[in-house]
Protein backbone atom coordinates (compact mmCIF):
# COMPACT_ATOMS: atom_id res chain seq x y z
CA MET A 1 -23.01 1.21 3.32
CA TYR A 2 -21.19 4.14 4.92
CA THR A 3 -21.32 2.46 8.35
CA LEU A 4 -19.97 -0.76 6.85
CA LEU A 5 -17.07 1.02 5.16
CA LEU A 6 -16.34 3.02 8.30
CA GLY A 7 -16.27 -0.24 10.26
CA ALA A 8 -13.81 -1.66 7.71
CA GLN A 9 -11.53 1.32 8.34
CA TYR A 10 -11.59 0.77 12.11
CA LEU A 11 -11.00 -2.94 11.55
CA GLY A 12 -8.03 -2.15 9.34
CA VAL A 13 -6.49 0.12 11.98
CA VAL A 14 -6.90 -2.59 14.64
CA MET A 15 -5.52 -5.34 12.39
CA LEU A 16 -2.49 -3.33 11.32
CA SER A 17 -1.71 -2.29 14.90
CA ALA A 18 -1.96 -5.92 16.05
CA GLU A 19 0.22 -7.06 13.17
CA LEU A 20 2.93 -4.55 14.08
CA LEU A 21 2.94 -5.88 17.64
CA TYR A 22 3.23 -9.39 16.21
CA LEU A 23 6.12 -8.47 13.90
CA VAL A 24 8.38 -7.05 16.59
CA ARG A 25 8.85 -10.50 18.11
CA PHE A 26 10.87 -11.74 15.10
CA GLU A 27 14.63 -11.63 14.80
CA PRO A 28 15.69 -8.57 12.79
CA SER A 29 16.17 -9.12 9.06
CA ARG A 30 15.89 -7.03 5.93
CA GLN A 31 12.58 -8.66 5.02
CA LEU A 32 11.26 -7.92 8.50
CA ILE A 33 12.23 -4.25 8.22
CA ARG A 34 10.49 -4.05 4.82
CA THR A 35 7.37 -5.60 6.32
CA ILE A 36 7.31 -3.27 9.32
CA LEU A 37 7.77 -0.21 7.10
CA MET A 38 4.97 -1.42 4.84
CA ASN A 39 2.64 -1.86 7.80
CA VAL A 40 3.51 1.54 9.27
CA ALA A 41 2.84 3.22 5.90
CA LEU A 42 -0.44 1.35 5.52
CA LEU A 43 -1.51 2.15 9.08
CA ILE A 44 -0.89 5.88 8.51
CA ASN A 45 -2.90 5.65 5.29
CA PHE A 46 -5.80 3.92 7.07
CA VAL A 47 -5.86 6.39 9.98
CA GLY A 48 -5.74 9.36 7.60
CA TYR A 49 -8.60 8.05 5.47
CA LEU A 50 -10.60 7.24 8.60
CA PHE A 51 -10.33 10.91 9.57
CA GLU A 52 -11.26 11.95 6.03
CA MET A 53 -14.40 9.80 6.05
CA GLN A 54 -15.58 11.55 9.20
CA ALA A 55 -14.50 15.10 8.27
CA GLY A 56 -17.37 17.55 8.04
CA THR A 57 -15.54 20.39 6.32
CA GLN A 58 -13.14 20.82 3.43
CA GLU A 59 -10.39 22.01 5.75
CA LEU A 60 -10.60 18.92 7.99
CA ALA A 61 -10.84 16.59 5.00
CA LEU A 62 -7.77 18.18 3.39
CA GLN A 63 -5.77 17.83 6.60
CA ALA A 64 -6.77 14.15 6.72
CA VAL A 65 -5.62 13.68 3.11
CA LYS A 66 -2.28 15.27 3.92
CA PHE A 67 -1.85 12.96 6.91
CA SER A 68 -2.69 9.86 4.85
CA TYR A 69 -0.06 10.85 2.26
CA LEU A 70 2.62 10.56 4.92
CA GLY A 71 2.17 6.82 4.37
CA LYS A 72 0.15 6.25 1.18
CA PRO A 73 2.93 6.70 -1.43
CA PHE A 74 5.22 4.32 0.48
CA VAL A 75 2.83 1.35 0.63
CA ILE A 76 3.34 -0.01 -2.89
CA PHE A 77 7.03 1.01 -2.78
CA THR A 78 7.72 -1.07 0.33
CA VAL A 79 5.71 -3.97 -1.13
CA LEU A 80 7.95 -3.83 -4.20
CA LEU A 81 11.10 -3.81 -2.05
CA PHE A 82 9.80 -6.79 -0.06
CA VAL A 83 9.04 -8.80 -3.21
CA LEU A 84 12.41 -7.89 -4.74
CA ASP A 85 14.12 -9.27 -1.62
CA TYR A 86 11.92 -12.37 -1.53
CA CYS A 87 12.54 -13.12 -5.21
CA LYS A 88 16.30 -12.46 -4.80
CA VAL A 89 16.36 -9.64 -7.36
CA GLU A 90 18.96 -6.96 -6.71
CA ILE A 91 18.65 -3.44 -8.09
CA PRO A 92 21.28 -0.68 -7.83
CA GLY A 93 21.28 1.44 -4.69
CA TRP A 94 20.94 4.65 -6.72
CA LEU A 95 17.74 3.31 -8.28
CA LYS A 96 16.23 2.55 -4.87
CA THR A 97 17.16 6.05 -3.72
CA THR A 98 15.58 7.59 -6.81
CA MET A 99 12.39 5.57 -6.35
CA ALA A 100 12.19 6.58 -2.69
CA GLY A 101 12.78 10.19 -3.72
CA VAL A 102 9.74 10.06 -6.01
CA GLN A 103 7.55 8.93 -3.11
CA VAL A 104 8.90 11.73 -0.91
CA PHE A 105 8.32 14.26 -3.70
CA VAL A 106 4.68 13.16 -4.07
CA THR A 107 4.17 13.54 -0.31
CA LEU A 108 5.66 17.05 -0.38
CA LEU A 109 3.41 18.03 -3.29
CA VAL A 110 0.31 16.96 -1.36
CA LEU A 111 1.45 18.67 1.84
CA THR A 112 1.82 21.91 -0.13
CA CYS A 113 -1.11 21.38 -2.51
CA GLU A 114 -2.56 24.84 -1.77
CA TYR A 115 0.55 26.41 -3.30
CA ASN A 116 1.06 24.27 -6.42
CA ASP A 117 -1.01 22.72 -9.22
CA LEU A 118 1.32 19.81 -9.92
CA TYR A 119 -0.61 17.15 -8.02
CA TYR A 120 -4.08 18.67 -7.48
CA THR A 121 -5.35 21.33 -9.87
CA SER A 122 -8.50 21.94 -7.83
CA ILE A 123 -9.96 20.90 -4.48
CA THR A 124 -13.70 20.90 -3.72
CA PHE A 125 -15.80 19.40 -0.94
CA ARG A 126 -18.94 17.52 -1.99
CA ASN A 127 -21.78 16.06 0.04
CA ASP A 128 -22.93 13.48 -2.51
CA GLY A 129 -21.75 9.90 -2.94
CA MET A 130 -21.47 7.50 -0.02
CA PHE A 131 -20.27 10.24 2.33
CA PRO A 132 -19.01 13.85 2.17
CA HIS A 133 -15.62 13.80 0.50
CA LEU A 134 -13.03 15.81 -1.39
CA VAL A 135 -13.05 15.87 -5.17
CA CYS A 136 -9.66 16.88 -6.53
CA GLY A 137 -8.62 17.74 -10.05
CA HIS A 138 -5.64 15.70 -11.15
CA GLY A 139 -2.47 17.51 -12.14
CA PRO A 140 0.42 16.14 -14.23
CA MET A 141 2.26 14.63 -11.25
CA HIS A 142 -0.88 12.83 -10.08
CA MET A 143 -1.27 11.22 -13.51
CA ALA A 144 2.45 10.41 -13.64
CA TYR A 145 2.36 8.87 -10.17
CA THR A 146 -0.73 6.82 -11.09
CA MET A 147 1.28 5.35 -13.97
CA ILE A 148 4.19 4.63 -11.62
CA VAL A 149 1.90 2.75 -9.22
CA MET A 150 0.47 0.72 -12.10
CA PHE A 151 4.00 -0.10 -13.26
CA TYR A 152 5.01 -1.21 -9.75
CA MET A 153 1.97 -3.50 -9.53
CA ILE A 154 2.73 -5.08 -12.90
CA LEU A 155 6.40 -5.47 -11.98
CA ILE A 156 5.56 -7.18 -8.67
CA PHE A 157 3.22 -9.60 -10.44
CA VAL A 158 5.83 -10.40 -13.13
CA LEU A 159 8.54 -10.96 -10.50
CA CYS A 160 6.30 -13.45 -8.70
CA VAL A 161 5.45 -15.28 -11.92
CA LEU A 162 9.11 -15.58 -12.92
CA ARG A 163 10.11 -16.80 -9.46
CA LEU A 164 7.21 -19.27 -9.45
CA ARG A 165 8.43 -20.77 -12.72
CA ARG A 166 11.95 -21.28 -11.33
CA THR A 167 11.25 -22.74 -7.91
CA ARG A 168 10.04 -26.22 -7.01
CA ASN A 169 9.83 -25.48 -3.29
CA GLU A 170 6.16 -25.96 -2.38
CA PRO A 171 6.02 -23.54 0.61
CA GLU A 172 7.67 -20.87 -1.51
CA ARG A 173 5.27 -21.55 -4.39
CA ARG A 174 2.31 -21.13 -2.04
CA THR A 175 3.69 -17.82 -0.80
CA LEU A 176 4.28 -16.55 -4.34
CA ILE A 177 0.73 -17.47 -5.33
CA LYS A 178 -0.52 -15.52 -2.32
CA PHE A 179 1.53 -12.53 -3.45
CA MET A 180 -0.04 -12.80 -6.91
CA VAL A 181 -3.53 -12.92 -5.42
CA ILE A 182 -2.65 -9.86 -3.33
CA MET A 183 -1.63 -7.94 -6.45
CA ALA A 184 -4.78 -8.98 -8.31
CA ILE A 185 -6.93 -7.64 -5.44
CA MET A 186 -4.88 -4.42 -5.34
CA TRP A 187 -5.39 -4.03 -9.08
CA LEU A 188 -9.16 -4.41 -8.65
CA GLY A 189 -9.42 -1.83 -5.86
CA PHE A 190 -7.06 0.56 -7.62
CA GLY A 191 -8.90 0.22 -10.93
CA LEU A 192 -12.33 0.84 -9.41
CA THR A 193 -11.04 3.96 -7.66
CA VAL A 194 -9.29 5.37 -10.73
CA ALA A 195 -12.41 4.71 -12.83
CA ASP A 196 -14.50 6.57 -10.19
CA LYS A 197 -16.92 3.66 -9.71
CA THR A 198 -17.09 3.74 -5.90
CA GLY A 199 -19.02 6.90 -5.07
CA GLY A 200 -16.03 8.76 -3.69
CA TYR A 201 -14.73 5.83 -1.62
CA ASP A 202 -11.11 4.78 -2.09
CA ALA A 203 -11.58 1.07 -2.81
CA THR A 204 -7.81 0.62 -2.79
CA LEU A 205 -7.97 0.66 1.02
CA LEU A 206 -10.53 -2.14 1.15
CA GLY A 207 -8.28 -4.08 -1.20
CA TYR A 208 -5.33 -3.39 1.12
CA LEU A 209 -7.33 -4.74 4.07
CA ILE A 210 -8.04 -8.02 2.26
CA CYS A 211 -4.43 -8.20 1.05
CA ASN A 212 -3.15 -7.61 4.56
CA SER A 213 -5.17 -10.59 5.80
CA ILE A 214 -3.63 -12.78 3.09
CA LEU A 215 -0.16 -11.48 3.92
CA LEU A 216 -0.71 -12.17 7.61
CA SER A 217 -1.60 -15.75 6.66
CA ALA A 218 1.68 -16.03 4.75
CA LEU A 219 3.62 -14.60 7.70
CA CYS A 220 2.08 -17.06 10.15
CA LYS A 221 1.53 -20.23 8.12
CA ASP A 222 4.50 -20.07 5.75
CA ARG A 223 6.80 -18.46 8.38
CA ILE A 224 8.45 -16.30 5.74
CA LEU A 225 9.93 -13.96 8.37
CA ASP A 226 11.10 -16.66 10.78
CA ALA A 227 14.88 -16.46 11.19
CA VAL A 228 15.37 -20.21 10.71
CA THR A 229 13.16 -20.25 7.61
CA VAL A 230 14.99 -17.28 6.11
CA ALA A 231 18.37 -18.87 6.88
CA LYS A 232 17.36 -22.15 5.21
CA LYS A 233 16.10 -20.26 2.16
CA GLU A 234 19.37 -18.33 1.94
CA ALA A 235 21.37 -21.56 2.22
CA ILE A 236 19.36 -23.23 -0.55
């Protein structure tokens, strides 16, 4: 199982790198920038967790966790921004800044986790489960951030449902349904990880890999980032 999961991590890194190369050929737009940022954050998360899965000591594993948190908190945030843009929902600039600040704060807490108990109350290295991994006690900010992520996921799903009820455009409806499937898969991976049902493996990443494949299908088939498609949608 470990070899299979490790292979999934390598596959994710390759897929995300290829997708970034694919995205740069589009005409610049706000949705494109959101998508690129989301892929960069996810790629950093995948690379960091790949290092963590192969770390043989607590020190190396902790460094890998810190690297992954340079991208991890920003994945769901950039997905939310993308869906807000796609569903034509505007939120105040100060709110976006505050939300981004929370992600940055979480990253800083992890980068300095040896000197504070806000995010991790304890850090131990265990050799059981699917592979050697860190087991971290959850501080108040970790629990608060978990609730924030759950709220973002629910909000994204609700936005897609509301938009789906209003539109009669079939390509857009297909894309929204894909977004809803993506969120359902994210929920499953996130829930299994939070419930500690995966033997130390972060199932959220496997969910991200499946979701990324669905998103790539939407990018290619539904052409949601194509300049002409975006212009037509804006005009309608």
